[in-house]
Amino acid sequence: MMSTFVGIDLGTSATKAVVVDAGGEVIARARCAHPRSRSVQGRVDPRAWEESIRGALADLGPVLAGAAGVGIDVHCPVAVPLDAAGKACGLGVVWDNNILRYYFNQYSDQRSPQALAATGNHPSQSTFMALAYPYLRNHDTDAFAGMATFGMAGTWLGALLTGKTALDPTQASYSGIFNTLDPAQGWIQETVDLLEVDPGTLPSVKHAVEILGTVTPEAAADFGLPAGIPVSVGSADTPAASYALGTRPGTKPFFIMGTTHVINSCLAAPDTRATALQRCGNRPGEWLINGVTNGGDALATGALVAGFGEADGGVAGMIRTAYDISREDAVTAPFFIPHVMRERGPLWFEAPCARLVDITREISRAQVARGIVDGVLLVDRMVLGSCVPKGSGSIYVTGAFGADEAFPQMLADILDADLDLVDESYLPAIGAAGMCGATVADAVLPEVVSRRVSPRPDWVAINDDRWEAFRASWTDATGREPLPEI
């Protein structure tokens, strides 16, 4: 009988789980939400996670009983205090916790240039999650008193299934106390001392593809998994998706288009510029670069302000209107500077910076729509160039596009690149299962199914001209030079 492997993807709002066979085919999938996990600002309740994991695994059905291993991935970064038994002894701390800003202002500038450079990241709350340690010490004394391990979400999930604690480098890279540029060096002692972190509470760091332990009898009874099967260390969710797509240095980058637009590239050496978000990869000798924009939020804001309506229907109507415009009208469309909220790397805007440029009385509603969509995608082009080396070829793109090709076609035109659209929405769970399968049984995931969208030459020329004009308008609006290419 062919071996099967379980993948558990602990997401921000839900748990997704899959069972894949040794050939990489998904034979069962399930999703269970955990809407009550974020009832306190900046905190998260692992008990809600546990309920959704139990529900998702139960919904996989009888195929679960034949599993030969389990892979895991989690949303990141979230710090979780664990007691001596590996159980959560308090609520987790999320990177956007308002009080962490106080600790960031207190500690970040006290780091030496060498300690900061070793993180491989721009200083920010999201890349300095070890600030949760002084937060717990001062604001959650009960959790701090019971804490034996200062872990992250992946540490908690691994311990839930195996009773053993560890942390993989893809999550450790956002702690601010881990040497991302040279992971063999481990924790950055200077910053550990600065935050007064007890070194004994720090979990061991193991690569995502390593085996953490085996499913305990307690976890087997609770979650329906076979007792004694191996569980891999696992990774953060975006690296798990990259594994499912076969991402290695020199392979296709991939682009996630949702509420945030995330551009991902894999390098064989770290990017010392520390502009984009950077983490160690799933395997030794790899680094993952993530360029993030609030593209989905910007489209929703633009659709609302331009009168197309709220939610997905308004955005879809605006995109279709922008797509149907004539080339002549597109040339004179305005530009939308789309930073409607704070931006993470590589833009790092601490405050919103949004405006509609070159608007006149003669501009039509369709041209406004085109200007809004173009503005979002032109910023995506800028971020892509800063994260992905030239000549990387086609790009994997994932998102809820459905049958309407308007948005991916406009993206292909503006990037002047072939796009391979992937409709699979369980990529992180598949990648997690694949990592375990590779270690346990040398299983190899097949290339994902995709469909090609190519740029239209007559639109590429128009967009190249608009790109140059947009860069000048963007600089005027933001006061910055455009991002340099990698």
Protein backbone atom coordinates (compact mmCIF):
# COMPACT_ATOMS: atom_id res chain seq x y z
CA MET A 1 0.00 0.00 0.00
CA MET A 2 1.33 3.46 -0.93
CA SER A 3 2.37 5.64 2.02
CA THR A 4 0.32 8.73 2.77
CA PHE A 5 1.29 11.88 4.66
CA VAL A 6 -0.74 14.46 6.54
CA GLY A 7 -0.15 18.19 6.19
CA ILE A 8 -1.49 20.58 8.84
CA ASP A 9 -1.53 24.29 7.98
CA LEU A 10 -2.32 26.43 11.03
CA GLY A 11 -3.41 29.69 9.39
CA THR A 12 -4.40 33.06 10.78
CA SER A 13 -8.13 32.37 10.56
CA ALA A 14 -8.42 28.61 9.98
CA THR A 15 -6.65 25.28 9.95
CA LYS A 16 -6.35 23.49 6.62
CA ALA A 17 -5.35 19.84 6.48
CA VAL A 18 -4.59 17.45 3.64
CA VAL A 19 -3.62 13.85 3.08
CA VAL A 20 -1.28 13.28 0.14
CA ASP A 21 0.03 10.03 -1.25
CA ALA A 22 3.68 9.32 -2.02
CA GLY A 23 3.13 10.64 -5.54
CA GLY A 24 1.98 13.99 -4.19
CA GLU A 25 -1.69 13.60 -5.09
CA VAL A 26 -4.12 15.13 -2.59
CA ILE A 27 -6.59 12.40 -1.62
CA ALA A 28 -8.39 14.29 1.16
CA ARG A 29 -8.63 17.89 2.34
CA ALA A 30 -10.50 19.77 5.06
CA ARG A 31 -10.75 23.24 6.58
CA CYS A 32 -11.93 24.35 10.01
CA ALA A 33 -12.03 27.99 11.13
CA HIS A 34 -10.95 29.32 14.52
CA PRO A 35 -12.81 32.67 14.66
CA ARG A 36 -12.43 33.03 18.44
CA SER A 37 -8.64 32.83 18.40
CA ARG A 38 -8.12 36.62 18.23
CA SER A 39 -10.59 37.88 20.85
CA VAL A 40 -7.92 40.04 22.56
CA GLN A 41 -5.95 42.67 20.60
CA GLY A 42 -2.46 41.46 19.84
CA ARG A 43 -2.99 38.10 21.56
CA VAL A 44 -4.10 34.71 20.27
CA ASP A 45 -5.63 31.74 22.08
CA PRO A 46 -3.99 28.38 21.28
CA ARG A 47 -7.07 26.60 22.63
CA ALA A 48 -9.01 27.87 19.60
CA TRP A 49 -6.23 26.61 17.34
CA GLU A 50 -6.45 23.20 18.99
CA GLU A 51 -10.19 23.02 18.35
CA SER A 52 -9.79 23.83 14.66
CA ILE A 53 -6.96 21.31 14.24
CA ARG A 54 -9.13 18.64 15.83
CA GLY A 55 -12.04 19.56 13.55
CA ALA A 56 -10.00 19.63 10.34
CA LEU A 57 -8.35 16.28 11.06
CA ALA A 58 -11.69 14.68 11.93
CA ASP A 59 -13.11 15.88 8.61
CA LEU A 60 -10.32 14.13 6.68
CA GLY A 61 -12.07 10.87 7.45
CA PRO A 62 -10.76 7.30 7.61
CA VAL A 63 -7.75 7.94 5.33
CA LEU A 64 -6.08 9.52 8.38
CA ALA A 65 -5.60 6.12 9.99
CA GLY A 66 -3.16 5.00 7.28
CA ALA A 67 -0.83 8.01 7.48
CA ALA A 68 2.91 7.36 7.65
CA GLY A 69 3.91 10.84 8.84
CA VAL A 70 2.78 14.38 9.60
CA GLY A 71 4.11 17.71 8.33
CA ILE A 72 3.18 21.06 9.87
CA ASP A 73 3.27 24.75 9.02
CA VAL A 74 2.00 27.85 10.81
CA HIS A 75 1.25 31.53 10.29
CA CYS A 76 4.09 33.70 11.49
CA PRO A 77 5.28 35.53 13.51
CA VAL A 78 3.49 34.60 16.74
CA ALA A 79 5.27 33.98 20.06
CA VAL A 80 3.79 31.34 22.40
CA PRO A 81 4.85 30.63 26.01
CA LEU A 82 5.02 26.90 26.80
CA ASP A 83 5.22 25.15 30.16
CA ALA A 84 7.52 22.25 31.05
CA ALA A 85 5.09 19.79 29.44
CA GLY A 86 5.10 21.72 26.16
CA LYS A 87 1.58 23.08 26.68
CA ALA A 88 0.66 26.73 26.18
CA CYS A 89 0.71 28.45 29.58
CA GLY A 90 -0.84 31.68 28.31
CA LEU A 91 -2.09 33.45 25.23
CA GLY A 92 0.26 33.85 22.29
CA VAL A 93 1.61 37.29 21.34
CA VAL A 94 1.05 38.47 17.76
CA TRP A 95 3.46 40.79 15.96
CA ASP A 96 0.87 43.59 15.68
CA ASN A 97 0.33 43.80 19.46
CA ASN A 98 0.10 47.53 20.21
CA ILE A 99 2.25 47.33 23.34
CA LEU A 100 5.12 45.75 21.41
CA ARG A 101 5.64 49.16 19.79
CA TYR A 102 6.69 50.49 23.21
CA TYR A 103 9.28 47.74 23.59
CA PHE A 104 10.44 48.18 20.01
CA ASN A 105 11.11 51.86 20.69
CA GLN A 106 12.88 50.96 23.93
CA TYR A 107 15.18 48.22 22.66
CA SER A 108 15.63 48.34 18.88
CA ASP A 109 18.12 51.21 18.72
CA GLN A 110 20.19 49.66 21.52
CA ARG A 111 21.29 46.86 19.20
CA SER A 112 24.75 47.19 17.73
CA PRO A 113 25.08 47.49 13.94
CA GLN A 114 26.56 43.98 13.92
CA ALA A 115 23.67 42.46 15.86
CA LEU A 116 21.11 44.20 13.67
CA ALA A 117 22.88 43.18 10.46
CA ALA A 118 22.97 39.54 11.58
CA THR A 119 19.16 39.44 11.63
CA GLY A 120 19.15 40.05 7.88
CA ASN A 121 16.06 42.21 8.28
CA HIS A 122 14.92 45.79 8.48
CA PRO A 123 14.14 46.70 12.12
CA SER A 124 10.39 46.38 12.74
CA GLN A 125 7.95 44.79 15.16
CA SER A 126 7.30 41.94 12.74
CA THR A 127 11.01 41.07 12.56
CA PHE A 128 11.71 41.46 16.30
CA MET A 129 9.26 38.99 17.86
CA ALA A 130 11.57 38.35 20.81
CA LEU A 131 10.09 41.59 22.18
CA ALA A 132 7.27 39.31 23.35
CA TYR A 133 9.63 38.14 26.10
CA PRO A 134 9.74 41.46 28.03
CA TYR A 135 6.06 41.91 27.17
CA LEU A 136 5.18 38.64 28.92
CA ARG A 137 7.52 39.42 31.81
CA ASN A 138 5.79 42.73 32.50
CA HIS A 139 2.21 42.26 31.26
CA ASP A 140 1.38 38.56 31.72
CA THR A 141 3.20 37.52 34.86
CA ASP A 142 1.32 34.24 35.27
CA ALA A 143 2.26 33.05 31.79
CA PHE A 144 5.84 34.23 32.30
CA ALA A 145 6.14 32.43 35.64
CA GLY A 146 4.98 29.16 34.08
CA MET A 147 7.06 29.49 30.91
CA ALA A 148 9.72 26.83 30.36
CA THR A 149 10.03 27.44 26.60
CA PHE A 150 9.75 30.77 24.79
CA GLY A 151 8.51 29.39 21.51
CA MET A 152 6.56 30.38 18.44
CA ALA A 153 3.41 28.94 16.89
CA GLY A 154 5.33 26.11 15.24
CA THR A 155 6.95 25.21 18.57
CA TRP A 156 3.49 24.91 20.12
CA LEU A 157 2.07 22.76 17.31
CA GLY A 158 5.07 20.44 17.24
CA ALA A 159 4.88 19.99 21.02
CA LEU A 160 1.13 19.37 20.83
CA LEU A 161 1.72 16.37 18.58
CA THR A 162 5.06 15.02 19.86
CA GLY A 163 5.73 16.49 23.32
CA LYS A 164 9.06 17.83 21.98
CA THR A 165 9.97 21.47 21.38
CA ALA A 166 11.97 23.05 18.56
CA LEU A 167 11.84 25.98 16.18
CA ASP A 168 12.71 26.06 12.52
CA PRO A 169 14.82 28.84 10.93
CA THR A 170 11.95 30.23 8.83
CA GLN A 171 10.22 31.29 12.05
CA ALA A 172 13.38 32.03 14.06
CA SER A 173 14.40 34.54 11.36
CA TYR A 174 11.63 36.89 12.53
CA SER A 175 12.60 36.71 16.20
CA GLY A 176 15.25 39.45 15.97
CA ILE A 177 17.59 37.32 18.11
CA PHE A 178 18.53 34.72 15.47
CA ASN A 179 21.43 35.00 13.04
CA THR A 180 19.62 34.78 9.71
CA LEU A 181 22.70 35.65 7.66
CA ASP A 182 24.72 32.83 9.25
CA PRO A 183 22.22 30.42 10.83
CA ALA A 184 24.97 28.09 12.04
CA GLN A 185 25.76 30.80 14.63
CA GLY A 186 22.30 30.37 16.17
CA TRP A 187 21.00 32.93 18.64
CA ILE A 188 22.49 36.44 18.75
CA GLN A 189 23.83 36.54 22.29
CA GLU A 190 24.10 40.33 22.44
CA THR A 191 20.36 40.79 21.82
CA VAL A 192 19.44 37.84 24.05
CA ASP A 193 21.30 39.64 26.85
CA LEU A 194 19.76 43.00 25.97
CA LEU A 195 16.22 41.63 26.38
CA GLU A 196 17.29 39.59 29.44
CA VAL A 197 16.02 36.41 27.83
CA ASP A 198 16.80 33.26 29.81
CA PRO A 199 18.81 31.19 27.27
CA GLY A 200 17.38 28.04 28.81
CA THR A 201 13.92 28.98 27.53
CA LEU A 202 15.01 29.19 23.89
CA PRO A 203 14.10 26.11 21.83
CA SER A 204 16.64 24.29 19.72
CA VAL A 205 16.62 25.35 16.07
CA LYS A 206 16.14 22.54 13.55
CA HIS A 207 15.50 22.67 9.83
CA ALA A 208 11.94 22.28 8.60
CA VAL A 209 12.61 18.95 6.88
CA GLU A 210 14.04 17.30 10.00
CA ILE A 211 11.97 14.95 12.13
CA LEU A 212 10.95 16.50 15.45
CA GLY A 213 9.54 13.36 17.10
CA THR A 214 6.62 10.97 16.84
CA VAL A 215 2.92 11.33 17.55
CA THR A 216 2.33 10.64 21.24
CA PRO A 217 -0.41 8.27 22.42
CA GLU A 218 -2.21 11.29 23.92
CA ALA A 219 -2.17 13.18 20.61
CA ALA A 220 -3.19 10.05 18.71
CA ALA A 221 -6.26 9.62 20.90
CA ASP A 222 -7.15 13.31 20.69
CA PHE A 223 -6.64 13.93 16.97
CA GLY A 224 -7.14 10.54 15.33
CA LEU A 225 -3.56 10.25 14.08
CA PRO A 226 -1.71 6.93 14.25
CA ALA A 227 0.51 6.82 17.34
CA GLY A 228 4.24 6.65 16.75
CA ILE A 229 4.37 8.09 13.22
CA PRO A 230 7.04 10.77 12.62
CA VAL A 231 6.30 14.50 12.68
CA SER A 232 8.59 16.90 10.86
CA VAL A 233 9.71 20.18 12.43
CA GLY A 234 7.78 22.14 9.80
CA SER A 235 7.98 25.79 8.81
CA ALA A 236 6.09 29.03 8.46
CA ASP A 237 3.22 28.99 5.95
CA THR A 238 4.78 30.93 3.05
CA PRO A 239 7.94 28.76 3.06
CA ALA A 240 5.69 25.68 3.09
CA ALA A 241 3.85 26.99 0.03
CA SER A 242 7.21 27.63 -1.63
CA TYR A 243 8.16 24.00 -0.98
CA ALA A 244 4.95 22.81 -2.64
CA LEU A 245 5.85 24.90 -5.69
CA GLY A 246 9.36 23.43 -5.84
CA THR A 247 11.02 26.77 -5.09
CA ARG A 248 14.82 26.59 -5.01
CA PRO A 249 17.51 29.12 -5.94
CA GLY A 250 17.20 29.80 -9.66
CA THR A 251 13.63 28.51 -9.96
CA LYS A 252 10.42 30.46 -10.53
CA PRO A 253 9.50 33.10 -7.97
CA PHE A 254 5.91 33.08 -6.82
CA PHE A 255 3.40 35.78 -6.12
CA ILE A 256 0.50 35.47 -3.66
CA MET A 257 -2.32 37.89 -4.43
CA GLY A 258 -4.82 38.30 -1.61
CA THR A 259 -5.47 40.97 1.01
CA THR A 260 -1.72 41.42 0.89
CA HIS A 261 0.37 40.89 -2.22
CA VAL A 262 3.46 38.82 -1.37
CA ILE A 263 6.31 38.29 -3.81
CA ASN A 264 8.61 35.40 -2.93
CA SER A 265 12.05 34.56 -4.24
CA CYS A 266 14.62 31.96 -3.19
CA LEU A 267 18.32 32.84 -3.12
CA ALA A 268 21.50 30.80 -2.64
CA ALA A 269 23.00 33.56 -0.47
CA PRO A 270 21.40 36.08 1.90
CA ASP A 271 20.49 39.56 0.70
CA THR A 272 22.53 41.83 2.96
CA ARG A 273 20.58 44.97 1.97
CA ALA A 274 17.89 44.06 4.54
CA THR A 275 15.16 45.86 2.61
CA ALA A 276 12.57 43.13 2.03
CA LEU A 277 11.48 40.61 4.64
CA GLN A 278 14.08 37.84 4.73
CA ARG A 279 14.20 34.43 6.36
CA CYS A 280 16.25 31.28 6.14
CA GLY A 281 14.77 28.72 3.78
CA ASN A 282 13.41 25.25 4.40
CA ARG A 283 16.76 23.68 3.56
CA PRO A 284 20.30 24.65 4.60
CA GLY A 285 21.94 27.11 2.22
CA GLU A 286 18.70 28.76 1.09
CA TRP A 287 17.15 32.13 1.92
CA LEU A 288 13.63 33.31 1.13
CA ILE A 289 12.94 36.95 0.27
CA ASN A 290 9.40 38.26 0.75
CA GLY A 291 8.29 41.59 -0.66
CA VAL A 292 4.92 42.63 0.73
CA THR A 293 2.39 45.29 -0.24
CA ASN A 294 -1.16 45.92 0.95
CA GLY A 295 -2.37 45.48 -2.62
CA GLY A 296 -5.71 43.85 -1.85
CA ASP A 297 -6.59 46.48 0.74
CA ALA A 298 -5.59 49.22 -1.71
CA LEU A 299 -7.86 47.79 -4.41
CA ALA A 300 -10.77 47.59 -1.97
CA THR A 301 -10.20 51.18 -0.84
CA GLY A 302 -9.93 52.40 -4.42
CA ALA A 303 -13.13 50.60 -5.44
CA LEU A 304 -15.02 52.14 -2.53
CA VAL A 305 -13.77 55.69 -3.08
CA ALA A 306 -14.34 55.50 -6.84
CA GLY A 307 -17.94 54.39 -6.34
CA PHE A 308 -17.67 50.77 -7.47
CA GLY A 309 -18.90 49.45 -4.14
CA GLU A 310 -17.64 47.49 -1.19
CA ALA A 311 -16.15 44.02 -0.77
CA ASP A 312 -15.26 41.62 -3.58
CA GLY A 313 -18.04 42.71 -5.92
CA GLY A 314 -16.84 46.30 -6.00
CA VAL A 315 -13.24 45.29 -6.69
CA ALA A 316 -14.28 42.84 -9.42
CA GLY A 317 -16.41 45.49 -11.12
CA MET A 318 -13.59 48.02 -11.01
CA ILE A 319 -11.07 45.52 -12.42
CA ARG A 320 -13.40 44.56 -15.28
CA THR A 321 -13.98 48.26 -16.09
CA ALA A 322 -10.23 48.90 -16.08
CA TYR A 323 -9.60 45.86 -18.28
CA ASP A 324 -12.17 46.87 -20.89
CA ILE A 325 -10.75 50.37 -21.41
CA SER A 326 -9.31 51.29 -24.81
CA ARG A 327 -5.56 51.66 -25.22
CA GLU A 328 -6.04 55.32 -26.12
CA ASP A 329 -7.85 56.05 -22.85
CA ALA A 330 -5.38 53.97 -20.83
CA VAL A 331 -2.49 56.17 -21.97
CA THR A 332 -4.01 59.24 -20.28
CA ALA A 333 -5.42 57.49 -17.20
CA PRO A 334 -4.37 58.97 -13.83
CA PHE A 335 -2.04 57.25 -11.37
CA PHE A 336 -3.03 55.87 -7.99
CA ILE A 337 -0.36 55.95 -5.30
CA PRO A 338 -1.81 52.97 -3.40
CA HIS A 339 -0.31 53.07 0.09
CA VAL A 340 -3.59 53.34 2.00
CA MET A 341 -2.06 51.97 5.21
CA ARG A 342 1.34 51.24 6.77
CA GLU A 343 3.52 49.09 4.53
CA ARG A 344 6.01 46.39 5.49
CA GLY A 345 9.18 45.49 3.62
CA PRO A 346 10.61 46.53 1.29
CA LEU A 347 8.62 49.80 1.31
CA TRP A 348 8.50 50.32 5.10
CA PHE A 349 6.01 53.18 5.22
CA GLU A 350 5.16 54.01 8.82
CA ALA A 351 2.05 55.97 7.79
CA PRO A 352 -0.39 55.89 4.85
CA CYS A 353 0.66 57.68 1.67
CA ALA A 354 -2.09 57.50 -0.95
CA ARG A 355 -3.36 59.85 -3.63
CA LEU A 356 -4.79 59.95 -7.15
CA VAL A 357 -2.41 61.84 -9.43
CA ASP A 358 -3.22 63.69 -12.67
CA ILE A 359 -6.99 63.70 -12.19
CA THR A 360 -8.92 66.25 -14.31
CA ARG A 361 -12.54 67.02 -15.16
CA GLU A 362 -12.13 65.20 -18.47
CA ILE A 363 -11.08 61.91 -16.87
CA SER A 364 -13.70 59.18 -17.25
CA ARG A 365 -14.83 56.68 -14.63
CA ALA A 366 -13.14 53.92 -16.63
CA GLN A 367 -9.86 55.85 -16.59
CA VAL A 368 -10.11 56.26 -12.82
CA ALA A 369 -10.60 52.49 -12.54
CA ARG A 370 -7.59 51.91 -14.76
CA GLY A 371 -5.48 54.33 -12.74
CA ILE A 372 -6.34 52.57 -9.47
CA VAL A 373 -5.61 49.06 -10.74
CA ASP A 374 -2.47 50.18 -12.58
CA GLY A 375 -1.18 51.91 -9.45
CA VAL A 376 -1.46 48.75 -7.37
CA LEU A 377 0.16 46.57 -10.04
CA LEU A 378 2.93 49.06 -10.82
CA VAL A 379 3.95 49.03 -7.16
CA ASP A 380 3.91 45.23 -7.39
CA ARG A 381 6.29 45.60 -10.35
CA MET A 382 8.59 47.81 -8.28
CA VAL A 383 8.63 45.37 -5.36
CA LEU A 384 9.14 42.41 -7.70
CA GLY A 385 12.22 44.04 -9.20
CA SER A 386 13.67 44.62 -5.73
CA CYS A 387 13.21 40.98 -4.67
CA VAL A 388 13.59 38.84 -7.79
CA PRO A 389 16.74 38.79 -9.94
CA LYS A 390 16.29 39.67 -13.60
CA GLY A 391 15.97 36.74 -15.96
CA SER A 392 14.08 34.56 -13.48
CA GLY A 393 11.58 33.60 -16.17
CA SER A 394 7.92 32.95 -15.58
CA ILE A 395 6.24 33.58 -12.23
CA TYR A 396 3.88 31.38 -10.27
CA VAL A 397 0.82 33.37 -9.18
CA THR A 398 -1.75 32.20 -6.64
CA GLY A 399 -5.02 33.91 -5.80
CA ALA A 400 -8.79 33.59 -6.00
CA PHE A 401 -9.05 34.57 -9.68
CA GLY A 402 -11.80 32.17 -10.70
CA ALA A 403 -12.60 32.04 -14.40
CA ASP A 404 -12.08 35.79 -14.99
CA GLU A 405 -8.67 36.36 -16.56
CA ALA A 406 -8.86 40.18 -16.43
CA PHE A 407 -6.73 40.74 -13.34
CA PRO A 408 -3.95 38.22 -14.10
CA GLN A 409 -3.87 39.46 -17.71
CA MET A 410 -3.34 43.04 -16.55
CA LEU A 411 -0.62 41.82 -14.17
CA ALA A 412 1.14 39.92 -16.98
CA ASP A 413 0.99 43.02 -19.19
CA ILE A 414 2.44 45.32 -16.52
CA LEU A 415 5.18 42.90 -15.42
CA ASP A 416 5.91 41.92 -19.04
CA ALA A 417 6.26 38.35 -17.81
CA ASP A 418 4.60 34.99 -18.34
CA LEU A 419 2.44 34.04 -15.36
CA ASP A 420 1.64 30.47 -14.36
CA LEU A 421 -1.63 30.68 -12.42
CA VAL A 422 -2.07 28.13 -9.63
CA ASP A 423 -5.62 27.61 -8.38
CA GLU A 424 -4.64 25.35 -5.46
CA SER A 425 -5.60 27.01 -2.14
CA TYR A 426 -4.01 24.37 0.13
CA LEU A 427 -0.40 24.91 -0.96
CA PRO A 428 1.09 25.35 2.56
CA ALA A 429 -0.56 22.16 3.84
CA ILE A 430 0.61 20.27 0.74
CA GLY A 431 4.12 21.62 1.22
CA ALA A 432 4.12 20.59 4.89
CA ALA A 433 3.05 17.05 3.98
CA GLY A 434 5.65 16.99 1.22
CA MET A 435 8.49 17.94 3.59
CA CYS A 436 7.63 15.05 5.88
CA GLY A 437 7.20 12.66 2.95
CA ALA A 438 10.58 13.63 1.53
CA THR A 439 12.35 12.89 4.81
CA VAL A 440 10.50 9.69 5.68
CA ALA A 441 10.07 8.08 2.27
CA ASP A 442 12.05 10.17 -0.27
CA ALA A 443 8.69 11.26 -1.69
CA VAL A 444 8.80 14.04 -4.28
CA LEU A 445 5.90 16.38 -4.89
CA PRO A 446 4.95 16.70 -8.57
CA GLU A 447 4.95 20.03 -10.37
CA VAL A 448 1.77 21.88 -9.55
CA VAL A 449 -0.95 22.25 -12.15
CA SER A 450 -1.03 25.76 -13.59
CA ARG A 451 -2.30 27.68 -16.59
CA ARG A 452 -0.22 30.19 -18.53
CA VAL A 453 -1.12 33.86 -19.04
CA SER A 454 1.25 35.78 -21.31
CA PRO A 455 1.65 39.54 -21.77
CA ARG A 456 -0.01 41.20 -24.77
CA PRO A 457 2.71 43.02 -26.78
CA ASP A 458 0.51 46.01 -27.66
CA TRP A 459 -0.18 46.62 -23.96
CA VAL A 460 3.41 46.05 -22.83
CA ALA A 461 4.61 49.12 -24.74
CA ILE A 462 1.89 51.30 -23.19
CA ASN A 463 2.66 50.00 -19.71
CA ASP A 464 6.40 50.54 -20.11
CA ASP A 465 5.74 54.21 -20.87
CA ARG A 466 3.35 54.46 -17.93
CA TRP A 467 5.92 52.75 -15.72
CA GLU A 468 8.43 55.53 -16.26
CA ALA A 469 5.81 58.22 -15.62
CA PHE A 470 4.53 56.36 -12.56
CA ARG A 471 8.00 56.19 -11.01
CA ALA A 472 8.27 59.98 -11.20
CA SER A 473 4.78 60.46 -9.74
CA TRP A 474 5.54 57.93 -6.99
CA THR A 475 8.69 59.83 -6.00
CA ASP A 476 6.81 63.14 -5.95
CA ALA A 477 4.10 61.65 -3.73
CA THR A 478 6.28 59.67 -1.32
CA GLY A 479 9.44 61.77 -1.24
CA ARG A 480 11.52 58.67 -1.98
CA GLU A 481 13.43 57.28 -4.89
CA PRO A 482 11.94 54.09 -6.39
CA LEU A 483 13.21 50.83 -4.92
CA PRO A 484 16.52 49.66 -6.41
CA GLU A 485 16.55 46.38 -8.29
CA ILE A 486 18.19 43.36 -6.69
